[in-house]
C-alpha atoms as a PDB file:
ATOM      1  CA  UNK A   1    -114.247 207.118-162.832  1.00  0.00           C
ATOM      2  CA  UNK A   2    -113.836 205.874-166.397  1.00  0.00           C
ATOM      3  CA  UNK A   3    -115.874 206.997-169.413  1.00  0.00           C
ATOM      4  CA  UNK A   4    -116.274 203.354-170.451  1.00  0.00           C
ATOM      5  CA  UNK A   5    -119.644 201.949-169.402  1.00  0.00           C
ATOM      6  CA  UNK A   6    -120.112 198.189-169.209  1.00  0.00           C
ATOM      7  CA  UNK A   7    -123.556 196.794-168.527  1.00  0.00           C
ATOM      8  CA  UNK A   8    -123.280 193.193-169.706  1.00  0.00           C
ATOM      9  CA  UNK A   9    -121.436 190.183-168.299  1.00  0.00           C
ATOM     10  CA  UNK A  10    -118.443 189.013-170.258  1.00  0.00           C
ATOM     11  CA  UNK A  11    -114.686 188.940-170.681  1.00  0.00           C
ATOM     12  CA  UNK A  12    -113.131 192.309-171.444  1.00  0.00           C
ATOM     13  CA  UNK A  13    -109.623 193.353-172.429  1.00  0.00           C
ATOM     14  CA  UNK A  14    -109.176 196.503-170.353  1.00  0.00           C
ATOM     15  CA  UNK A  15    -106.216 198.558-169.231  1.00  0.00           C
ATOM     16  CA  UNK A  16    -105.513 198.149-165.514  1.00  0.00           C
ATOM     17  CA  UNK A  17    -106.381 201.780-164.763  1.00  0.00           C
ATOM     18  CA  UNK A  18    -109.758 201.373-166.463  1.00  0.00           C
ATOM     19  CA  UNK A  19    -110.470 198.234-164.465  1.00  0.00           C
ATOM     20  CA  UNK A  20    -109.559 199.851-161.150  1.00  0.00           C
ATOM     21  CA  UNK A  21    -111.698 202.902-161.952  1.00  0.00           C
ATOM     22  CA  UNK A  22    -114.678 200.496-162.148  1.00  0.00           C
ATOM     23  CA  UNK A  23    -116.175 200.585-165.659  1.00  0.00           C
ATOM     24  CA  UNK A  24    -119.441 198.865-164.668  1.00  0.00           C
ATOM     25  CA  UNK A  25    -122.623 200.934-164.883  1.00  0.00           C
ATOM     26  CA  UNK A  26    -123.891 201.558-161.360  1.00  0.00           C
ATOM     27  CA  UNK A  27    -120.715 200.227-159.781  1.00  0.00           C
ATOM     28  CA  UNK A  28    -119.325 196.783-159.025  1.00  0.00           C
ATOM     29  CA  UNK A  29    -117.395 194.925-156.360  1.00  0.00           C
ATOM     30  CA  UNK A  30    -113.939 193.434-156.885  1.00  0.00           C
ATOM     31  CA  UNK A  31    -112.223 190.742-154.867  1.00  0.00           C
ATOM     32  CA  UNK A  32    -109.870 193.267-153.272  1.00  0.00           C
ATOM     33  CA  UNK A  33    -112.846 195.489-152.464  1.00  0.00           C
ATOM     34  CA  UNK A  34    -114.701 192.600-150.849  1.00  0.00           C
ATOM     35  CA  UNK A  35    -111.674 191.792-148.717  1.00  0.00           C
ATOM     36  CA  UNK A  36    -111.255 195.447-147.730  1.00  0.00           C
ATOM     37  CA  UNK A  37    -114.923 195.654-146.796  1.00  0.00           C
ATOM     38  CA  UNK A  38    -114.657 192.840-144.251  1.00  0.00           C
ATOM     39  CA  UNK A  39    -111.109 193.540-143.051  1.00  0.00           C
ATOM     40  CA  UNK A  40    -111.974 197.141-142.137  1.00  0.00           C
ATOM     41  CA  UNK A  41    -115.501 198.555-142.305  1.00  0.00           C
ATOM     42  CA  UNK A  42    -117.923 199.940-144.925  1.00  0.00           C
ATOM     43  CA  UNK A  43    -116.961 203.553-144.114  1.00  0.00           C
ATOM     44  CA  UNK A  44    -113.268 202.870-144.777  1.00  0.00           C
ATOM     45  CA  UNK A  45    -114.097 200.889-147.911  1.00  0.00           C
ATOM     46  CA  UNK A  46    -116.259 203.674-149.347  1.00  0.00           C
ATOM     47  CA  UNK A  47    -113.730 206.393-148.549  1.00  0.00           C
ATOM     48  CA  UNK A  48    -110.870 204.540-150.205  1.00  0.00           C
ATOM     49  CA  UNK A  49    -113.074 203.708-153.189  1.00  0.00           C
ATOM     50  CA  UNK A  50    -113.662 207.405-153.820  1.00  0.00           C
ATOM     51  CA  UNK A  51    -110.199 208.536-152.652  1.00  0.00           C
ATOM     52  CA  UNK A  52    -107.714 206.097-154.214  1.00  0.00           C
ATOM     53  CA  UNK A  53    -104.278 206.071-152.649  1.00  0.00           C
ATOM     54  CA  UNK A  54    -101.308 207.281-154.731  1.00  0.00           C
ATOM     55  CA  UNK A  55     -98.871 204.613-155.954  1.00  0.00           C
ATOM     56  CA  UNK A  56     -96.083 203.601-153.576  1.00  0.00           C
ATOM     57  CA  UNK A  57     -92.593 202.356-154.426  1.00  0.00           C
ATOM     58  CA  UNK A  58     -93.559 198.861-153.277  1.00  0.00           C
ATOM     59  CA  UNK A  59     -96.689 198.913-155.432  1.00  0.00           C
ATOM     60  CA  UNK A  60     -94.717 200.138-158.444  1.00  0.00           C
ATOM     61  CA  UNK A  61     -92.223 197.287-158.030  1.00  0.00           C
ATOM     62  CA  UNK A  62     -94.996 194.696-157.863  1.00  0.00           C
ATOM     63  CA  UNK A  63     -96.732 196.241-160.866  1.00  0.00           C
ATOM     64  CA  UNK A  64     -93.507 196.256-162.853  1.00  0.00           C
ATOM     65  CA  UNK A  65     -92.776 192.616-162.026  1.00  0.00           C
ATOM     66  CA  UNK A  66     -96.284 191.654-163.146  1.00  0.00           C
ATOM     67  CA  UNK A  67     -95.889 193.511-166.408  1.00  0.00           C
ATOM     68  CA  UNK A  68     -92.582 191.901-167.292  1.00  0.00           C
ATOM     69  CA  UNK A  69     -93.825 188.432-166.372  1.00  0.00           C
ATOM     70  CA  UNK A  70     -97.118 188.791-168.262  1.00  0.00           C
ATOM     71  CA  UNK A  71     -95.818 190.886-171.141  1.00  0.00           C
ATOM     72  CA  UNK A  72     -98.497 193.582-170.902  1.00  0.00           C
ATOM     73  CA  UNK A  73     -98.959 196.896-169.134  1.00  0.00           C
ATOM     74  CA  UNK A  74     -97.572 200.386-168.897  1.00  0.00           C
ATOM     75  CA  UNK A  75     -94.054 201.352-169.860  1.00  0.00           C
ATOM     76  CA  UNK A  76     -91.371 201.033-167.194  1.00  0.00           C
ATOM     77  CA  UNK A  77     -89.151 204.064-166.623  1.00  0.00           C
ATOM     78  CA  UNK A  78     -85.715 203.794-165.030  1.00  0.00           C
ATOM     79  CA  UNK A  79     -84.924 206.662-162.674  1.00  0.00           C
ATOM     80  CA  UNK A  80     -81.162 206.699-162.325  1.00  0.00           C
ATOM     81  CA  UNK A  81     -80.934 207.416-158.632  1.00  0.00           C
ATOM     82  CA  UNK A  82     -80.135 205.509-155.455  1.00  0.00           C
ATOM     83  CA  UNK A  83     -83.318 206.607-153.665  1.00  0.00           C
ATOM     84  CA  UNK A  84     -86.296 208.954-153.962  1.00  0.00           C
ATOM     85  CA  UNK A  85     -84.977 211.692-151.671  1.00  0.00           C
ATOM     86  CA  UNK A  86     -83.604 214.074-154.296  1.00  0.00           C
ATOM     87  CA  UNK A  87     -85.807 216.666-155.952  1.00  0.00           C
ATOM     88  CA  UNK A  88     -84.880 215.394-159.411  1.00  0.00           C
ATOM     89  CA  UNK A  89     -85.858 211.805-158.574  1.00  0.00           C
ATOM     90  CA  UNK A  90     -89.174 212.896-157.084  1.00  0.00           C
ATOM     91  CA  UNK A  91     -89.970 214.990-160.160  1.00  0.00           C
ATOM     92  CA  UNK A  92     -89.169 212.082-162.497  1.00  0.00           C
ATOM     93  CA  UNK A  93     -91.413 209.807-160.448  1.00  0.00           C
ATOM     94  CA  UNK A  94     -94.280 212.303-160.538  1.00  0.00           C
ATOM     95  CA  UNK A  95     -93.857 212.851-164.289  1.00  0.00           C
ATOM     96  CA  UNK A  96     -93.855 209.105-164.962  1.00  0.00           C
ATOM     97  CA  UNK A  97     -97.031 208.570-162.932  1.00  0.00           C
ATOM     98  CA  UNK A  98     -98.705 211.510-164.693  1.00  0.00           C
ATOM     99  CA  UNK A  99     -97.925 209.863-168.040  1.00  0.00           C
ATOM    100  CA  UNK A 100     -99.298 206.503-166.901  1.00  0.00           C
ATOM    101  CA  UNK A 101     -95.841 204.933-166.667  1.00  0.00           C
ATOM    102  CA  UNK A 102     -94.185 202.987-163.843  1.00  0.00           C
ATOM    103  CA  UNK A 103     -91.081 204.639-162.351  1.00  0.00           C
ATOM    104  CA  UNK A 104     -88.349 202.483-160.803  1.00  0.00           C
ATOM    105  CA  UNK A 105     -85.019 203.284-159.208  1.00  0.00           C
ATOM    106  CA  UNK A 106     -82.067 201.771-161.067  1.00  0.00           C
ATOM    107  CA  UNK A 107     -81.635 198.917-158.568  1.00  0.00           C
ATOM    108  CA  UNK A 108     -85.322 198.018-158.777  1.00  0.00           C
ATOM    109  CA  UNK A 109     -85.286 198.323-162.575  1.00  0.00           C
ATOM    110  CA  UNK A 110     -82.573 195.657-162.682  1.00  0.00           C
ATOM    111  CA  UNK A 111     -84.346 193.650-159.974  1.00  0.00           C
ATOM    112  CA  UNK A 112     -87.667 193.250-161.816  1.00  0.00           C
ATOM    113  CA  UNK A 113     -85.943 192.162-165.025  1.00  0.00           C
ATOM    114  CA  UNK A 114     -83.974 189.538-163.090  1.00  0.00           C
ATOM    115  CA  UNK A 115     -87.179 188.406-161.359  1.00  0.00           C
ATOM    116  CA  UNK A 116     -88.951 187.957-164.681  1.00  0.00           C
ATOM    117  CA  UNK A 117     -86.014 185.960-166.028  1.00  0.00           C
ATOM    118  CA  UNK A 118     -85.970 183.730-162.946  1.00  0.00           C
ATOM    119  CA  UNK A 119     -89.694 183.111-163.176  1.00  0.00           C
ATOM    120  CA  UNK A 120     -89.507 182.218-166.859  1.00  0.00           C
ATOM    121  CA  UNK A 121     -86.896 179.605-165.932  1.00  0.00           C
ATOM    122  CA  UNK A 122     -89.496 177.873-163.755  1.00  0.00           C
ATOM    123  CA  UNK A 123     -91.319 175.541-166.133  1.00  0.00           C
ATOM    124  CA  UNK A 124     -94.475 175.161-164.023  1.00  0.00           C
ATOM    125  CA  UNK A 125     -94.842 178.867-163.266  1.00  0.00           C
ATOM    126  CA  UNK A 126     -94.285 179.742-166.917  1.00  0.00           C
ATOM    127  CA  UNK A 127     -96.947 177.260-168.007  1.00  0.00           C
ATOM    128  CA  UNK A 128     -99.514 178.681-165.582  1.00  0.00           C
ATOM    129  CA  UNK A 129     -98.811 182.298-166.560  1.00  0.00           C
ATOM    130  CA  UNK A 130     -98.383 181.789-170.281  1.00  0.00           C
ATOM    131  CA  UNK A 131     -99.125 179.500-173.162  1.00  0.00           C
ATOM    132  CA  UNK A 132    -102.432 179.601-175.004  1.00  0.00           C
ATOM    133  CA  UNK A 133    -104.515 182.364-173.493  1.00  0.00           C
ATOM    134  CA  UNK A 134    -104.581 186.097-172.753  1.00  0.00           C
ATOM    135  CA  UNK A 135    -102.926 188.222-170.102  1.00  0.00           C
ATOM    136  CA  UNK A 136    -104.804 190.527-167.711  1.00  0.00           C
ATOM    137  CA  UNK A 137    -108.375 189.856-168.728  1.00  0.00           C
ATOM    138  CA  UNK A 138    -111.345 191.363-166.905  1.00  0.00           C
ATOM    139  CA  UNK A 139    -114.276 189.149-165.934  1.00  0.00           C
ATOM    140  CA  UNK A 140    -117.588 190.873-165.235  1.00  0.00           C
ATOM    141  CA  UNK A 141    -120.698 189.073-164.048  1.00  0.00           C
ATOM    142  CA  UNK A 142    -123.730 189.586-161.817  1.00  0.00           C
ATOM    143  CA  UNK A 143    -124.190 187.782-158.522  1.00  0.00           C
ATOM    144  CA  UNK A 144    -127.445 185.837-158.460  1.00  0.00           C
ATOM    145  CA  UNK A 145    -128.611 186.189-154.826  1.00  0.00           C
ATOM    146  CA  UNK A 146    -127.675 189.874-154.331  1.00  0.00           C
ATOM    147  CA  UNK A 147    -127.721 191.166-157.941  1.00  0.00           C
ATOM    148  CA  UNK A 148    -124.406 192.878-157.203  1.00  0.00           C
ATOM    149  CA  UNK A 149    -122.112 193.224-160.215  1.00  0.00           C
ATOM    150  CA  UNK A 150    -118.773 191.519-159.637  1.00  0.00           C
ATOM    151  CA  UNK A 151    -115.485 192.022-161.446  1.00  0.00           C
ATOM    152  CA  UNK A 152    -112.081 190.346-161.475  1.00  0.00           C
ATOM    153  CA  UNK A 153    -108.782 191.068-163.227  1.00  0.00           C
ATOM    154  CA  UNK A 154    -107.067 187.731-163.814  1.00  0.00           C
ATOM    155  CA  UNK A 155    -103.334 187.657-164.519  1.00  0.00           C
ATOM    156  CA  UNK A 156    -103.636 184.981-167.194  1.00  0.00           C
ATOM    157  CA  UNK A 157    -106.852 183.610-168.679  1.00  0.00           C
ATOM    158  CA  UNK A 158    -106.101 180.290-170.389  1.00  0.00           C
ATOM    159  CA  UNK A 159    -108.104 179.090-173.348  1.00  0.00           C
ATOM    160  CA  UNK A 160    -111.146 177.028-172.409  1.00  0.00           C
ATOM    161  CA  UNK A 161    -110.537 173.287-172.373  1.00  0.00           C
ATOM    162  CA  UNK A 162    -113.025 170.706-173.733  1.00  0.00           C
ATOM    163  CA  UNK A 163    -112.792 168.952-170.354  1.00  0.00           C
ATOM    164  CA  UNK A 164    -114.283 172.012-168.640  1.00  0.00           C
ATOM    165  CA  UNK A 165    -111.348 172.183-166.206  1.00  0.00           C
ATOM    166  CA  UNK A 166    -109.466 175.476-165.951  1.00  0.00           C
ATOM    167  CA  UNK A 167    -106.224 176.205-164.154  1.00  0.00           C
ATOM    168  CA  UNK A 168    -106.155 179.816-162.950  1.00  0.00           C
ATOM    169  CA  UNK A 169    -103.035 181.292-161.379  1.00  0.00           C
ATOM    170  CA  UNK A 170    -102.223 184.598-159.734  1.00  0.00           C
ATOM    171  CA  UNK A 171     -98.690 185.972-159.479  1.00  0.00           C
ATOM    172  CA  UNK A 172     -97.560 187.391-156.125  1.00  0.00           C
ATOM    173  CA  UNK A 173     -94.268 188.954-155.119  1.00  0.00           C
ATOM    174  CA  UNK A 174     -93.317 188.093-151.549  1.00  0.00           C
ATOM    175  CA  UNK A 175     -90.620 188.379-148.912  1.00  0.00           C
ATOM    176  CA  UNK A 176     -90.654 184.597-148.590  1.00  0.00           C
ATOM    177  CA  UNK A 177     -91.824 181.918-151.002  1.00  0.00           C
ATOM    178  CA  UNK A 178     -91.656 179.191-148.352  1.00  0.00           C
ATOM    179  CA  UNK A 179     -94.965 177.246-148.401  1.00  0.00           C
ATOM    180  CA  UNK A 180     -95.540 178.018-144.705  1.00  0.00           C
ATOM    181  CA  UNK A 181     -95.089 181.744-145.349  1.00  0.00           C
ATOM    182  CA  UNK A 182     -97.469 181.561-148.301  1.00  0.00           C
ATOM    183  CA  UNK A 183    -100.072 179.805-146.153  1.00  0.00           C
ATOM    184  CA  UNK A 184     -99.882 182.637-143.620  1.00  0.00           C
ATOM    185  CA  UNK A 185    -100.147 185.228-146.399  1.00  0.00           C
ATOM    186  CA  UNK A 186    -103.243 183.486-147.752  1.00  0.00           C
ATOM    187  CA  UNK A 187    -104.959 183.896-144.378  1.00  0.00           C
ATOM    188  CA  UNK A 188    -103.652 187.438-143.813  1.00  0.00           C
ATOM    189  CA  UNK A 189    -104.471 188.877-147.222  1.00  0.00           C
ATOM    190  CA  UNK A 190    -107.456 186.720-148.122  1.00  0.00           C
ATOM    191  CA  UNK A 191    -105.964 185.079-151.197  1.00  0.00           C
ATOM    192  CA  UNK A 192    -108.306 182.119-150.684  1.00  0.00           C
ATOM    193  CA  UNK A 193    -111.216 184.539-151.142  1.00  0.00           C
ATOM    194  CA  UNK A 194    -109.557 185.803-154.309  1.00  0.00           C
ATOM    195  CA  UNK A 195    -109.278 182.250-155.607  1.00  0.00           C
ATOM    196  CA  UNK A 196    -112.952 181.552-154.953  1.00  0.00           C
ATOM    197  CA  UNK A 197    -113.921 184.890-156.523  1.00  0.00           C
ATOM    198  CA  UNK A 198    -111.981 184.233-159.726  1.00  0.00           C
ATOM    199  CA  UNK A 199    -113.299 180.701-159.957  1.00  0.00           C
ATOM    200  CA  UNK A 200    -116.877 181.876-159.569  1.00  0.00           C
ATOM    201  CA  UNK A 201    -116.383 184.371-162.389  1.00  0.00           C
ATOM    202  CA  UNK A 202    -114.938 181.828-164.808  1.00  0.00           C
ATOM    203  CA  UNK A 203    -117.726 179.339-164.080  1.00  0.00           C
ATOM    204  CA  UNK A 204    -120.529 181.910-164.179  1.00  0.00           C
ATOM    205  CA  UNK A 205    -119.326 183.179-167.570  1.00  0.00           C
ATOM    206  CA  UNK A 206    -119.248 179.637-168.966  1.00  0.00           C
ATOM    207  CA  UNK A 207    -115.463 179.577-169.372  1.00  0.00           C
ATOM    208  CA  UNK A 208    -115.092 176.474-167.229  1.00  0.00           C
ATOM    209  CA  UNK A 209    -117.071 173.916-165.271  1.00  0.00           C
ATOM    210  CA  UNK A 210    -114.429 173.597-162.572  1.00  0.00           C
ATOM    211  CA  UNK A 211    -111.500 175.829-161.610  1.00  0.00           C
ATOM    212  CA  UNK A 212    -108.292 174.952-159.776  1.00  0.00           C
ATOM    213  CA  UNK A 213    -106.591 178.014-158.314  1.00  0.00           C
ATOM    214  CA  UNK A 214    -102.841 178.445-157.886  1.00  0.00           C
ATOM    215  CA  UNK A 215    -100.580 181.118-156.464  1.00  0.00           C
ATOM    216  CA  UNK A 216     -97.210 181.706-158.061  1.00  0.00           C
ATOM    217  CA  UNK A 217     -95.134 183.353-155.327  1.00  0.00           C
ATOM    218  CA  UNK A 218     -91.721 184.863-156.010  1.00  0.00           C
ATOM    219  CA  UNK A 219     -89.244 186.360-153.586  1.00  0.00           C
ATOM    220  CA  UNK A 220     -88.018 189.891-154.217  1.00  0.00           C
ATOM    221  CA  UNK A 221     -84.395 189.178-153.297  1.00  0.00           C
ATOM    222  CA  UNK A 222     -81.825 187.144-155.202  1.00  0.00           C
ATOM    223  CA  UNK A 223     -82.012 184.376-156.269  1.00  0.00           C
ATOM    224  CA  UNK A 224     -85.722 185.276-156.653  1.00  0.00           C
ATOM    225  CA  UNK A 225     -87.023 181.866-155.649  1.00  0.00           C
ATOM    226  CA  UNK A 226     -90.388 180.789-157.065  1.00  0.00           C
ATOM    227  CA  UNK A 227     -92.954 178.506-155.416  1.00  0.00           C
ATOM    228  CA  UNK A 228     -96.231 177.371-156.950  1.00  0.00           C
ATOM    229  CA  UNK A 229     -98.981 176.400-154.516  1.00  0.00           C
ATOM    230  CA  UNK A 230    -102.489 175.094-155.102  1.00  0.00           C
ATOM    231  CA  UNK A 231    -105.236 176.163-152.711  1.00  0.00           C
ATOM    232  CA  UNK A 232    -107.116 173.159-151.380  1.00  0.00           C
ATOM    233  CA  UNK A 233    -110.893 172.833-151.311  1.00  0.00           C
ATOM    234  CA  UNK A 234    -111.243 173.837-147.656  1.00  0.00           C
ATOM    235  CA  UNK A 235    -109.430 177.097-148.384  1.00  0.00           C
ATOM    236  CA  UNK A 236    -111.619 177.793-151.417  1.00  0.00           C
ATOM    237  CA  UNK A 237    -114.802 176.975-149.462  1.00  0.00           C
ATOM    238  CA  UNK A 238    -113.698 179.355-146.687  1.00  0.00           C
ATOM    239  CA  UNK A 239    -112.967 182.004-149.298  1.00  0.00           C
ATOM    240  CA  UNK A 240    -116.361 181.578-150.908  1.00  0.00           C
ATOM    241  CA  UNK A 241    -118.016 181.947-147.471  1.00  0.00           C
ATOM    242  CA  UNK A 242    -116.003 185.131-146.922  1.00  0.00           C
ATOM    243  CA  UNK A 243    -117.104 186.460-150.316  1.00  0.00           C
ATOM    244  CA  UNK A 244    -120.784 185.774-149.607  1.00  0.00           C
ATOM    245  CA  UNK A 245    -120.602 187.810-146.397  1.00  0.00           C
ATOM    246  CA  UNK A 246    -118.954 190.678-148.267  1.00  0.00           C
ATOM    247  CA  UNK A 247    -121.504 190.609-151.099  1.00  0.00           C
ATOM    248  CA  UNK A 248    -124.426 190.692-148.674  1.00  0.00           C
ATOM    249  CA  UNK A 249    -122.891 193.550-146.699  1.00  0.00           C
ATOM    250  CA  UNK A 250    -122.103 195.512-149.858  1.00  0.00           C
ATOM    251  CA  UNK A 251    -125.624 194.992-151.198  1.00  0.00           C
ATOM    252  CA  UNK A 252    -127.114 196.228-147.913  1.00  0.00           C
ATOM    253  CA  UNK A 253    -124.891 199.317-147.856  1.00  0.00           C
ATOM    254  CA  UNK A 254    -125.699 200.120-151.485  1.00  0.00           C
ATOM    255  CA  UNK A 255    -129.443 199.668-150.975  1.00  0.00           C
ATOM    256  CA  UNK A 256    -129.528 202.038-148.003  1.00  0.00           C
ATOM    257  CA  UNK A 257    -126.620 204.266-149.090  1.00  0.00           C
ATOM    258  CA  UNK A 258    -125.291 203.802-145.573  1.00  0.00           C
ATOM    259  CA  UNK A 259    -121.638 203.009-144.949  1.00  0.00           C
ATOM    260  CA  UNK A 260    -121.180 202.470-141.196  1.00  0.00           C
ATOM    261  CA  UNK A 261    -117.891 202.709-139.323  1.00  0.00           C
ATOM    262  CA  UNK A 262    -116.441 200.019-137.049  1.00  0.00           C
ATOM    263  CA  UNK A 263    -119.101 200.246-134.356  1.00  0.00           C
ATOM    264  CA  UNK A 264    -122.218 202.201-133.423  1.00  0.00           C
ATOM    265  CA  UNK A 265    -122.187 203.649-129.918  1.00  0.00           C
ATOM    266  CA  UNK A 266    -119.865 202.063-127.357  1.00  0.00           C
ATOM    267  CA  UNK A 267    -118.071 198.856-128.260  1.00  0.00           C
ATOM    268  CA  UNK A 268    -117.486 196.501-125.351  1.00  0.00           C
ATOM    269  CA  UNK A 269    -114.065 194.882-125.706  1.00  0.00           C
ATOM    270  CA  UNK A 270    -111.821 192.625-123.677  1.00  0.00           C
ATOM    271  CA  UNK A 271    -108.198 191.611-123.722  1.00  0.00           C
ATOM    272  CA  UNK A 272    -106.779 189.644-126.641  1.00  0.00           C
ATOM    273  CA  UNK A 273    -107.001 185.897-126.021  1.00  0.00           C
ATOM    274  CA  UNK A 274    -103.288 185.527-125.253  1.00  0.00           C
ATOM    275  CA  UNK A 275    -103.369 188.343-122.675  1.00  0.00           C
ATOM    276  CA  UNK A 276    -106.523 187.002-121.052  1.00  0.00           C
ATOM    277  CA  UNK A 277    -104.980 183.534-120.795  1.00  0.00           C
ATOM    278  CA  UNK A 278    -101.855 184.974-119.191  1.00  0.00           C
ATOM    279  CA  UNK A 279    -104.011 186.802-116.611  1.00  0.00           C
ATOM    280  CA  UNK A 280    -105.914 183.622-115.723  1.00  0.00           C
ATOM    281  CA  UNK A 281    -102.648 181.689-115.345  1.00  0.00           C
ATOM    282  CA  UNK A 282    -101.228 184.363-113.038  1.00  0.00           C
ATOM    283  CA  UNK A 283    -104.245 184.538-110.743  1.00  0.00           C
ATOM    284  CA  UNK A 284    -104.663 180.765-110.528  1.00  0.00           C
ATOM    285  CA  UNK A 285    -100.987 179.945-110.000  1.00  0.00           C
END
């Protein structure tokens, strides 16, 4: 946990580690936490909240790409090795993490710099993740119906427009930046819920009257292709519905200090739909 204690809604300029440690008095729920809560179960959510996982190489690469694109964050450290198997490489990685830095193998160090350069060459992506505004800003507000404190760490918070319209974008590294692949990732990882969550925060804090949410997806292999997608209203509505379920479940668990697992007692299950359909086709053939 962090020593910083926030008890009022607002926009805060916090280091990523402070944000993830949850600086809100009494605790708060993030978009990723809400998605974890529904994708797994309250018991898994609570365990991982109090037992954060150590950084992985994939996470470090994504973090490094974000930092170069946005121009903020911890120092990147090049570990001159081909992989992490040697004792020396492992020790350098551990030392970098202990110092709050991001360790990268030489190939990945070059990769993230090339990715940032490729993204900056995309005029639309650069406009959404730069210009007049501030990088990595924390939004903190209280949910009306449940009184749960909510928080969000937005990649780029643009200056408020007189029109009341705000364009919010989130940067994602991906294996494929094809629109179809992004659509599948939205459903798999709940990015539509993230978009609704961020939009709610900006509106609740009076930063905008309406928010349009974009994803800036970039492939992690040369030539580091970039695709910008806008989430349509159906996706945002579905995400907001998802968020409401998570907020109500979180509020219930907090009120009772009970974090149940996947099922109580015996869970009655059947075959997956595809397997059940195959069975019916076989027996009716």
